[in-house]
Every structure is written in C-alpha cells, then in structure tokens.
C-alpha cells in the first residue's frame, strides 16, 4: 500500500465514523425533541389544571362569601323579629294601662 491508498483508507474510515456519529446525534436529537414535546404537553396540561383549580377556588370563595352574607341576613332577621316582639310587648303593656 502506498501513501495515497493509506490516506484514502483513513479518509474513508473517518467519513464512515462521521456518518455513524451523525446518525447517532440525529437519533439523540429526535429523542430530545420528543422529550421536549412531551414536557410541553405536560406543562400545558398542568397549566390547564392550575387554571381550573383557580376557577374552583374563586367559585368556592364566592360561595363562602354568599354563605356568610346569608348567615348575616338570618341573624339580622332574628334580631329584627326580637325587636318587633319587644315593641309588641311594650305596646301591649301601654295599651293595658
């Protein structure tokens, strides 16, 4: 083998190695892209869950506010009824004398 054949064989070997390395790198890149897509889908799903949880929280907060308001109304009604009874008692006492 002369120097040209050795150089040609070495060049050929290096090209095959580069081709193999390129294929491996391409495969690795595809796997990474798939992982990125999966993670993006997962992020989107988690963002949707977070948005739903926020809406649920807001709904519960509003329901609690309404519940408290209803409780205040009932308490106010009871106080008014008690005051009406007291006024009725006073009118009865004043009418009786």
PDB file of N, CA and C in Angstrom:
ATOM      1  N   UNK A   1       0.831  -1.180   0.000  1.00  0.00           N
ATOM      2  CA  UNK A   1       0.000   0.000   0.000  1.00  0.00           C
ATOM      3  C   UNK A   1       0.880   1.250   0.000  1.00  0.00           C
ATOM      4  N   UNK A   2       0.547   2.073  -0.863  1.00  0.00           N
ATOM      5  CA  UNK A   2       1.336   3.305  -0.891  1.00  0.00           C
ATOM      6  C   UNK A   2       0.639   4.374  -0.037  1.00  0.00           C
ATOM      7  N   UNK A   3       1.218   5.519   0.072  1.00  0.00           N
ATOM      8  CA  UNK A   3       0.736   6.586   0.948  1.00  0.00           C
ATOM      9  C   UNK A   3      -0.646   7.081   0.524  1.00  0.00           C
ATOM     10  N   UNK A   4      -0.907   7.115  -0.772  1.00  0.00           N
ATOM     11  CA  UNK A   4      -2.213   7.581  -1.252  1.00  0.00           C
ATOM     12  C   UNK A   4      -3.323   6.639  -0.833  1.00  0.00           C
ATOM     13  N   UNK A   5      -3.083   5.322  -0.930  1.00  0.00           N
ATOM     14  CA  UNK A   5      -4.089   4.345  -0.528  1.00  0.00           C
ATOM     15  C   UNK A   5      -4.338   4.421   0.970  1.00  0.00           C
ATOM     16  N   UNK A   6      -3.286   4.563   1.763  1.00  0.00           N
ATOM     17  CA  UNK A   6      -3.443   4.686   3.209  1.00  0.00           C
ATOM     18  C   UNK A   6      -4.238   5.943   3.550  1.00  0.00           C
ATOM     19  N   UNK A   7      -3.931   7.025   2.893  1.00  0.00           N
ATOM     20  CA  UNK A   7      -4.641   8.277   3.133  1.00  0.00           C
ATOM     21  C   UNK A   7      -6.100   8.145   2.712  1.00  0.00           C
ATOM     22  N   UNK A   8      -6.329   7.475   1.586  1.00  0.00           N
ATOM     23  CA  UNK A   8      -7.694   7.269   1.106  1.00  0.00           C
ATOM     24  C   UNK A   8      -8.472   6.371   2.059  1.00  0.00           C
ATOM     25  N   UNK A   9      -7.846   5.295   2.534  1.00  0.00           N
ATOM     26  CA  UNK A   9      -8.488   4.402   3.503  1.00  0.00           C
ATOM     27  C   UNK A   9      -8.785   5.140   4.816  1.00  0.00           C
ATOM     28  N   UNK A  10      -7.826   5.918   5.275  1.00  0.00           N
ATOM     29  CA  UNK A  10      -8.023   6.687   6.505  1.00  0.00           C
ATOM     30  C   UNK A  10      -9.164   7.682   6.320  1.00  0.00           C
ATOM     31  N   UNK A  11      -9.183   8.360   5.196  1.00  0.00           N
ATOM     32  CA  UNK A  11     -10.246   9.324   4.893  1.00  0.00           C
ATOM     33  C   UNK A  11     -11.599   8.626   4.845  1.00  0.00           C
ATOM     34  N   UNK A  12     -11.633   7.469   4.178  1.00  0.00           N
ATOM     35  CA  UNK A  12     -12.866   6.694   4.061  1.00  0.00           C
ATOM     36  C   UNK A  12     -13.351   6.257   5.438  1.00  0.00           C
ATOM     37  N   UNK A  13     -12.428   5.787   6.267  1.00  0.00           N
ATOM     38  CA  UNK A  13     -12.777   5.366   7.624  1.00  0.00           C
ATOM     39  C   UNK A  13     -13.338   6.541   8.423  1.00  0.00           C
ATOM     40  N   UNK A  14     -12.693   7.690   8.336  1.00  0.00           N
ATOM     41  CA  UNK A  14     -13.144   8.892   9.063  1.00  0.00           C
ATOM     42  C   UNK A  14     -14.532   9.338   8.589  1.00  0.00           C
ATOM     43  N   UNK A  15     -14.769   9.241   7.298  1.00  0.00           N
ATOM     44  CA  UNK A  15     -16.081   9.616   6.761  1.00  0.00           C
ATOM     45  C   UNK A  15     -17.155   8.680   7.292  1.00  0.00           C
ATOM     46  N   UNK A  16     -16.871   7.360   7.311  1.00  0.00           N
ATOM     47  CA  UNK A  16     -17.833   6.399   7.861  1.00  0.00           C
ATOM     48  C   UNK A  16     -18.089   6.677   9.334  1.00  0.00           C
ATOM     49  N   UNK A  17     -17.030   6.987  10.089  1.00  0.00           N
ATOM     50  CA  UNK A  17     -17.184   7.316  11.505  1.00  0.00           C
ATOM     51  C   UNK A  17     -18.052   8.565  11.683  1.00  0.00           C
ATOM     52  N   UNK A  18     -17.799   9.565  10.846  1.00  0.00           N
ATOM     53  CA  UNK A  18     -18.594  10.790  10.927  1.00  0.00           C
ATOM     54  C   UNK A  18     -20.052  10.522  10.579  1.00  0.00           C
ATOM     55  N   UNK A  19     -20.285   9.659   9.592  1.00  0.00           N
ATOM     56  CA  UNK A  19     -21.654   9.311   9.210  1.00  0.00           C
ATOM     57  C   UNK A  19     -22.347   8.605  10.366  1.00  0.00           C
ATOM     58  N   UNK A  20     -21.665   7.651  11.001  1.00  0.00           N
ATOM     59  CA  UNK A  20     -22.234   6.952  12.155  1.00  0.00           C
ATOM     60  C   UNK A  20     -22.508   7.925  13.307  1.00  0.00           C
ATOM     61  N   UNK A  21     -21.557   8.785  13.548  1.00  0.00           N
ATOM     62  CA  UNK A  21     -21.723   9.767  14.619  1.00  0.00           C
ATOM     63  C   UNK A  21     -22.884  10.712  14.293  1.00  0.00           C
ATOM     64  N   UNK A  22     -23.027  11.103  13.056  1.00  0.00           N
ATOM     65  CA  UNK A  22     -24.132  11.961  12.638  1.00  0.00           C
ATOM     66  C   UNK A  22     -25.469  11.264  12.882  1.00  0.00           C
ATOM     67  N   UNK A  23     -25.553   9.964  12.501  1.00  0.00           N
ATOM     68  CA  UNK A  23     -26.788   9.210  12.706  1.00  0.00           C
ATOM     69  C   UNK A  23     -27.124   9.106  14.189  1.00  0.00           C
ATOM     70  N   UNK A  24     -26.116   8.847  15.014  1.00  0.00           N
ATOM     71  CA  UNK A  24     -26.333   8.761  16.456  1.00  0.00           C
ATOM     72  C   UNK A  24     -26.795  10.111  17.016  1.00  0.00           C
ATOM     73  N   UNK A  25     -26.161  11.170  16.543  1.00  0.00           N
ATOM     74  CA  UNK A  25     -26.525  12.503  17.004  1.00  0.00           C
ATOM     75  C   UNK A  25     -27.932  12.863  16.549  1.00  0.00           C
ATOM     76  N   UNK A  26     -28.265  12.489  15.325  1.00  0.00           N
ATOM     77  CA  UNK A  26     -29.600  12.755  14.795  1.00  0.00           C
ATOM     78  C   UNK A  26     -30.650  12.008  15.619  1.00  0.00           C
ATOM     79  N   UNK A  27     -30.376  10.742  15.938  1.00  0.00           N
ATOM     80  CA  UNK A  27     -31.290   9.943  16.757  1.00  0.00           C
ATOM     81  C   UNK A  27     -31.446  10.565  18.142  1.00  0.00           C
ATOM     82  N   UNK A  28     -30.334  10.966  18.738  1.00  0.00           N
ATOM     83  CA  UNK A  28     -30.382  11.601  20.055  1.00  0.00           C
ATOM     84  C   UNK A  28     -31.181  12.901  19.993  1.00  0.00           C
ATOM     85  N   UNK A  29     -31.005  13.653  18.946  1.00  0.00           N
ATOM     86  CA  UNK A  29     -31.730  14.915  18.763  1.00  0.00           C
ATOM     87  C   UNK A  29     -33.233  14.653  18.644  1.00  0.00           C
ATOM     88  N   UNK A  30     -33.607  13.626  17.897  1.00  0.00           N
ATOM     89  CA  UNK A  30     -35.022  13.278  17.755  1.00  0.00           C
ATOM     90  C   UNK A  30     -35.618  12.881  19.110  1.00  0.00           C
ATOM     91  N   UNK A  31     -34.874  12.100  19.881  1.00  0.00           N
ATOM     92  CA  UNK A  31     -35.353  11.703  21.214  1.00  0.00           C
ATOM     93  C   UNK A  31     -35.524  12.925  22.106  1.00  0.00           C
ATOM     94  N   UNK A  32     -34.570  13.838  22.044  1.00  0.00           N
ATOM     95  CA  UNK A  32     -34.665  15.058  22.851  1.00  0.00           C
ATOM     96  C   UNK A  32     -35.861  15.911  22.416  1.00  0.00           C
ATOM     97  N   UNK A  33     -36.079  15.987  21.111  1.00  0.00           N
ATOM     98  CA  UNK A  33     -37.235  16.744  20.620  1.00  0.00           C
ATOM     99  C   UNK A  33     -38.541  16.118  21.099  1.00  0.00           C
ATOM    100  N   UNK A  34     -38.606  14.794  21.099  1.00  0.00           N
ATOM    101  CA  UNK A  34     -39.791  14.096  21.597  1.00  0.00           C
ATOM    102  C   UNK A  34     -40.000  14.396  23.079  1.00  0.00           C
ATOM    103  N   UNK A  35     -38.898  14.382  23.839  1.00  0.00           N
ATOM    104  CA  UNK A  35     -39.000  14.693  25.266  1.00  0.00           C
ATOM    105  C   UNK A  35     -39.482  16.125  25.482  1.00  0.00           C
ATOM    106  N   UNK A  36     -38.983  17.040  24.665  1.00  0.00           N
ATOM    107  CA  UNK A  36     -39.413  18.439  24.773  1.00  0.00           C
ATOM    108  C   UNK A  36     -40.908  18.547  24.476  1.00  0.00           C
ATOM    109  N   UNK A  37     -41.367  17.856  23.448  1.00  0.00           N
ATOM    110  CA  UNK A  37     -42.797  17.876  23.112  1.00  0.00           C
ATOM    111  C   UNK A  37     -43.631  17.297  24.247  1.00  0.00           C
ATOM    112  N   UNK A  38     -43.169  16.189  24.839  1.00  0.00           N
ATOM    113  CA  UNK A  38     -43.877  15.588  25.957  1.00  0.00           C
ATOM    114  C   UNK A  38     -43.936  16.556  27.137  1.00  0.00           C
ATOM    115  N   UNK A  39     -42.813  17.193  27.419  1.00  0.00           N
ATOM    116  CA  UNK A  39     -42.773  18.145  28.538  1.00  0.00           C
ATOM    117  C   UNK A  39     -43.677  19.345  28.258  1.00  0.00           C
ATOM    118  N   UNK A  40     -43.697  19.811  27.015  1.00  0.00           N
ATOM    119  CA  UNK A  40     -44.580  20.923  26.668  1.00  0.00           C
ATOM    120  C   UNK A  40     -46.044  20.537  26.840  1.00  0.00           C
ATOM    121  N   UNK A  41     -46.380  19.312  26.428  1.00  0.00           N
ATOM    122  CA  UNK A  41     -47.749  18.826  26.611  1.00  0.00           C
ATOM    123  C   UNK A  41     -48.074  18.724  28.103  1.00  0.00           C
ATOM    124  N   UNK A  42     -47.112  18.245  28.870  1.00  0.00           N
ATOM    125  CA  UNK A  42     -47.304  18.122  30.311  1.00  0.00           C
ATOM    126  C   UNK A  42     -47.478  19.507  30.945  1.00  0.00           C
ATOM    127  N   UNK A  43     -46.684  20.468  30.513  1.00  0.00           N
ATOM    128  CA  UNK A  43     -46.798  21.836  31.025  1.00  0.00           C
ATOM    129  C   UNK A  43     -48.171  22.409  30.693  1.00  0.00           C
ATOM    130  N   UNK A  44     -48.619  22.187  29.462  1.00  0.00           N
ATOM    131  CA  UNK A  44     -49.929  22.690  29.056  1.00  0.00           C
ATOM    132  C   UNK A  44     -51.028  22.078  29.910  1.00  0.00           C
ATOM    133  N   UNK A  45     -50.938  20.780  30.155  1.00  0.00           N
ATOM    134  CA  UNK A  45     -51.932  20.095  30.976  1.00  0.00           C
ATOM    135  C   UNK A  45     -51.917  20.650  32.402  1.00  0.00           C
ATOM    136  N   UNK A  46     -50.728  20.848  32.956  1.00  0.00           N
ATOM    137  CA  UNK A  46     -50.621  21.385  34.305  1.00  0.00           C
ATOM    138  C   UNK A  46     -51.135  22.826  34.381  1.00  0.00           C
ATOM    139  N   UNK A  47     -50.904  23.602  33.326  1.00  0.00           N
ATOM    140  CA  UNK A  47     -51.425  24.962  33.300  1.00  0.00           C
ATOM    141  C   UNK A  47     -52.951  24.950  33.262  1.00  0.00           C
ATOM    142  N   UNK A  48     -53.525  24.023  32.506  1.00  0.00           N
ATOM    143  CA  UNK A  48     -54.981  23.902  32.456  1.00  0.00           C
ATOM    144  C   UNK A  48     -55.527  23.484  33.823  1.00  0.00           C
ATOM    145  N   UNK A  49     -54.836  22.552  34.485  1.00  0.00           N
ATOM    146  CA  UNK A  49     -55.258  22.126  35.819  1.00  0.00           C
ATOM    147  C   UNK A  49     -55.167  23.284  36.807  1.00  0.00           C
ATOM    148  N   UNK A  50     -54.101  24.055  36.697  1.00  0.00           N
ATOM    149  CA  UNK A  50     -53.941  25.214  37.571  1.00  0.00           C
ATOM    150  C   UNK A  50     -55.050  26.225  37.330  1.00  0.00           C
ATOM    151  N   UNK A  51     -55.372  26.485  36.078  1.00  0.00           N
ATOM    152  CA  UNK A  51     -56.444  27.426  35.757  1.00  0.00           C
ATOM    153  C   UNK A  51     -57.780  26.914  36.302  1.00  0.00           C
ATOM    154  N   UNK A  52     -58.023  25.616  36.165  1.00  0.00           N
ATOM    155  CA  UNK A  52     -59.265  25.033  36.690  1.00  0.00           C
ATOM    156  C   UNK A  52     -59.303  25.138  38.204  1.00  0.00           C
ATOM    157  N   UNK A  53     -58.183  24.856  38.841  1.00  0.00           N
ATOM    158  CA  UNK A  53     -58.121  24.965  40.303  1.00  0.00           C
ATOM    159  C   UNK A  53     -58.359  26.406  40.742  1.00  0.00           C
ATOM    160  N   UNK A  54     -57.836  27.366  39.996  1.00  0.00           N
ATOM    161  CA  UNK A  54     -58.047  28.782  40.319  1.00  0.00           C
ATOM    162  C   UNK A  54     -59.526  29.143  40.173  1.00  0.00           C
ATOM    163  N   UNK A  55     -60.161  28.638  39.103  1.00  0.00           N
ATOM    164  CA  UNK A  55     -61.598  28.894  38.922  1.00  0.00           C
ATOM    165  C   UNK A  55     -62.402  28.253  40.048  1.00  0.00           C
ATOM    166  N   UNK A  56     -62.044  27.022  40.426  1.00  0.00           N
ATOM    167  CA  UNK A  56     -62.731  26.348  41.525  1.00  0.00           C
ATOM    168  C   UNK A  56     -62.557  27.126  42.823  1.00  0.00           C
ATOM    169  N   UNK A  57     -61.341  27.591  43.059  1.00  0.00           N
ATOM    170  CA  UNK A  57     -61.067  28.368  44.268  1.00  0.00           C
ATOM    171  C   UNK A  57     -61.900  29.648  44.289  1.00  0.00           C
ATOM    172  N   UNK A  58     -61.955  30.334  43.158  1.00  0.00           N
ATOM    173  CA  UNK A  58     -62.747  31.566  43.080  1.00  0.00           C
ATOM    174  C   UNK A  58     -64.226  31.276  43.324  1.00  0.00           C
ATOM    175  N   UNK A  59     -64.712  30.165  42.768  1.00  0.00           N
ATOM    176  CA  UNK A  59     -66.114  29.782  42.978  1.00  0.00           C
ATOM    177  C   UNK A  59     -66.382  29.483  44.448  1.00  0.00           C
ATOM    178  N   UNK A  60     -65.480  28.739  45.068  1.00  0.00           N
ATOM    179  CA  UNK A  60     -65.656  28.424  46.486  1.00  0.00           C
ATOM    180  C   UNK A  60     -65.587  29.679  47.349  1.00  0.00           C
ATOM    181  N   UNK A  61     -64.688  30.578  46.984  1.00  0.00           N
ATOM    182  CA  UNK A  61     -64.572  31.826  47.732  1.00  0.00           C
ATOM    183  C   UNK A  61     -65.864  32.628  47.620  1.00  0.00           C
ATOM    184  N   UNK A  62     -66.419  32.687  46.421  1.00  0.00           N
ATOM    185  CA  UNK A  62     -67.677  33.410  46.220  1.00  0.00           C
ATOM    186  C   UNK A  62     -68.809  32.736  46.985  1.00  0.00           C
ATOM    187  N   UNK A  63     -68.847  31.401  46.953  1.00  0.00           N
ATOM    188  CA  UNK A  63     -69.889  30.673  47.682  1.00  0.00           C
ATOM    189  C   UNK A  63     -69.766  30.929  49.181  1.00  0.00           C
ATOM    190  N   UNK A  64     -68.547  30.979  49.671  1.00  0.00           N
ATOM    191  CA  UNK A  64     -68.342  31.235  51.098  1.00  0.00           C
ATOM    192  C   UNK A  64     -68.804  32.650  51.446  1.00  0.00           C
ATOM    193  N   UNK A  65     -68.510  33.604  50.559  1.00  0.00           N
ATOM    194  CA  UNK A  65     -68.957  34.971  50.809  1.00  0.00           C
ATOM    195  C   UNK A  65     -70.482  35.043  50.837  1.00  0.00           C
ATOM    196  N   UNK A  66     -71.128  34.338  49.921  1.00  0.00           N
ATOM    197  CA  UNK A  66     -72.593  34.319  49.886  1.00  0.00           C
ATOM    198  C   UNK A  66     -73.131  33.648  51.131  1.00  0.00           C
ATOM    199  N   UNK A  67     -72.473  32.571  51.549  1.00  0.00           N
ATOM    200  CA  UNK A  67     -72.899  31.851  52.752  1.00  0.00           C
ATOM    201  C   UNK A  67     -72.809  32.756  53.964  1.00  0.00           C
ATOM    202  N   UNK A  68     -71.720  33.499  54.086  1.00  0.00           N
ATOM    203  CA  UNK A  68     -71.559  34.414  55.207  1.00  0.00           C
ATOM    204  C   UNK A  68     -72.632  35.495  55.150  1.00  0.00           C
ATOM    205  N   UNK A  69     -72.898  36.014  53.948  1.00  0.00           N
ATOM    206  CA  UNK A  69     -73.920  37.038  53.785  1.00  0.00           C
ATOM    207  C   UNK A  69     -75.288  36.495  54.170  1.00  0.00           C
ATOM    208  N   UNK A  70     -75.592  35.252  53.743  1.00  0.00           N
ATOM    209  CA  UNK A  70     -76.866  34.637  54.119  1.00  0.00           C
ATOM    210  C   UNK A  70     -76.951  34.472  55.625  1.00  0.00           C
ATOM    211  N   UNK A  71     -75.875  34.088  56.256  1.00  0.00           N
ATOM    212  CA  UNK A  71     -75.858  33.937  57.710  1.00  0.00           C
ATOM    213  C   UNK A  71     -76.098  35.274  58.391  1.00  0.00           C
ATOM    214  N   UNK A  72     -75.545  36.329  57.857  1.00  0.00           N
ATOM    215  CA  UNK A  72     -75.762  37.658  58.414  1.00  0.00           C
ATOM    216  C   UNK A  72     -77.212  38.078  58.249  1.00  0.00           C
ATOM    217  N   UNK A  73     -77.807  37.744  57.118  1.00  0.00           N
ATOM    218  CA  UNK A  73     -79.207  38.087  56.877  1.00  0.00           C
ATOM    219  C   UNK A  73     -80.099  37.362  57.878  1.00  0.00           C
ATOM    220  N   UNK A  74     -79.815  36.098  58.106  1.00  0.00           N
ATOM    221  CA  UNK A  74     -80.626  35.331  59.066  1.00  0.00           C
ATOM    222  C   UNK A  74     -80.472  35.897  60.474  1.00  0.00           C
ATOM    223  N   UNK A  75     -79.248  36.242  60.826  1.00  0.00           N
ATOM    224  CA  UNK A  75     -79.028  36.851  62.146  1.00  0.00           C
ATOM    225  C   UNK A  75     -79.739  38.183  62.263  1.00  0.00           C
ATOM    226  N   UNK A  76     -79.687  38.966  61.198  1.00  0.00           N
ATOM    227  CA  UNK A  76     -80.375  40.259  61.200  1.00  0.00           C
ATOM    228  C   UNK A  76     -81.885  40.068  61.311  1.00  0.00           C
ATOM    229  N   UNK A  77     -82.418  39.064  60.588  1.00  0.00           N
ATOM    230  CA  UNK A  77     -83.854  38.779  60.670  1.00  0.00           C
ATOM    231  C   UNK A  77     -84.244  38.408  62.100  1.00  0.00           C
ATOM    232  N   UNK A  78     -83.431  37.598  62.743  1.00  0.00           N
ATOM    233  CA  UNK A  78     -83.728  37.187  64.126  1.00  0.00           C
ATOM    234  C   UNK A  78     -83.705  38.391  65.057  1.00  0.00           C
ATOM    235  N   UNK A  79     -82.736  39.289  64.869  1.00  0.00           N
ATOM    236  CA  UNK A  79     -82.663  40.490  65.716  1.00  0.00           C
ATOM    237  C   UNK A  79     -83.880  41.390  65.484  1.00  0.00           C
ATOM    238  N   UNK A  80     -84.268  41.532  64.219  1.00  0.00           N
ATOM    239  CA  UNK A  80     -85.445  42.357  63.908  1.00  0.00           C
ATOM    240  C   UNK A  80     -86.696  41.747  64.517  1.00  0.00           C
ATOM    241  N   UNK A  81     -86.839  40.430  64.402  1.00  0.00           N
ATOM    242  CA  UNK A  81     -88.001  39.761  64.985  1.00  0.00           C
ATOM    243  C   UNK A  81     -88.025  39.932  66.505  1.00  0.00           C
ATOM    244  N   UNK A  82     -86.839  39.848  67.112  1.00  0.00           N
ATOM    245  CA  UNK A  82     -86.756  40.049  68.559  1.00  0.00           C
ATOM    246  C   UNK A  82     -87.151  41.476  68.921  1.00  0.00           C
ATOM    247  N   UNK A  83     -86.680  42.442  68.132  1.00  0.00           N
ATOM    248  CA  UNK A  83     -87.054  43.843  68.387  1.00  0.00           C
ATOM    249  C   UNK A  83     -88.554  44.054  68.193  1.00  0.00           C
ATOM    250  N   UNK A  84     -89.123  43.413  67.185  1.00  0.00           N
ATOM    251  CA  UNK A  84     -90.575  43.532  66.951  1.00  0.00           C
ATOM    252  C   UNK A  84     -91.341  42.959  68.140  1.00  0.00           C
ATOM    253  N   UNK A  85     -90.912  41.827  68.673  1.00  0.00           N
ATOM    254  CA  UNK A  85     -91.567  41.233  69.846  1.00  0.00           C
ATOM    255  C   UNK A  85     -91.477  42.181  71.047  1.00  0.00           C
ATOM    256  N   UNK A  86     -90.286  42.784  71.214  1.00  0.00           N
ATOM    257  CA  UNK A  86     -90.120  43.727  72.317  1.00  0.00           C
ATOM    258  C   UNK A  86     -91.056  44.923  72.156  1.00  0.00           C
ATOM    259  N   UNK A  87     -91.173  45.446  70.943  1.00  0.00           N
ATOM    260  CA  UNK A  87     -92.076  46.580  70.689  1.00  0.00           C
ATOM    261  C   UNK A  87     -93.524  46.152  70.929  1.00  0.00           C
ATOM    262  N   UNK A  88     -93.884  44.947  70.475  1.00  0.00           N
ATOM    263  CA  UNK A  88     -95.234  44.445  70.698  1.00  0.00           C
ATOM    264  C   UNK A  88     -95.538  44.331  72.192  1.00  0.00           C
ATOM    265  N   UNK A  89     -94.582  43.866  72.966  1.00  0.00           N
ATOM    266  CA  UNK A  89     -94.743  43.755  74.424  1.00  0.00           C
ATOM    267  C   UNK A  89     -94.952  45.135  75.032  1.00  0.00           C
ATOM    268  N   UNK A  90     -94.147  46.081  74.565  1.00  0.00           N
ATOM    269  CA  UNK A  90     -94.286  47.433  75.092  1.00  0.00           C
ATOM    270  C   UNK A  90     -95.657  48.024  74.742  1.00  0.00           C
ATOM    271  N   UNK A  91     -96.101  47.802  73.496  1.00  0.00           N
ATOM    272  CA  UNK A  91     -97.435  48.308  73.093  1.00  0.00           C
ATOM    273  C   UNK A  91     -98.500  47.662  73.918  1.00  0.00           C
ATOM    274  N   UNK A  92     -98.386  46.362  74.152  1.00  0.00           N
ATOM    275  CA  UNK A  92     -99.377  45.635  74.958  1.00  0.00           C
ATOM    276  C   UNK A  92     -99.409  46.189  76.374  1.00  0.00           C
ATOM    277  N   UNK A  93     -98.229  46.414  76.956  1.00  0.00           N
ATOM    278  CA  UNK A  93     -98.158  46.954  78.313  1.00  0.00           C
ATOM    279  C   UNK A  93     -98.767  48.354  78.365  1.00  0.00           C
ATOM    280  N   UNK A  94     -98.473  49.175  77.379  1.00  0.00           N
ATOM    281  CA  UNK A  94     -99.007  50.537  77.360  1.00  0.00           C
ATOM    282  C   UNK A  94    -100.509  50.533  77.092  1.00  0.00           C
ATOM    283  N   UNK A  95    -101.001  49.606  76.292  1.00  0.00           N
ATOM    284  CA  UNK A  95    -102.437  49.531  75.973  1.00  0.00           C
ATOM    285  C   UNK A  95    -103.202  49.045  77.184  1.00  0.00           C
ATOM    286  N   UNK A  96    -102.613  48.192  77.953  1.00  0.00           N
ATOM    287  CA  UNK A  96    -103.283  47.604  79.090  1.00  0.00           C
ATOM    288  C   UNK A  96    -103.459  48.576  80.246  1.00  0.00           C
ATOM    289  N   UNK A  97    -102.683  49.611  80.322  1.00  0.00           N
ATOM    290  CA  UNK A  97    -102.768  50.530  81.444  1.00  0.00           C
ATOM    291  C   UNK A  97    -103.686  51.624  81.165  1.00  0.00           C
TER     292      UNK A  97
END
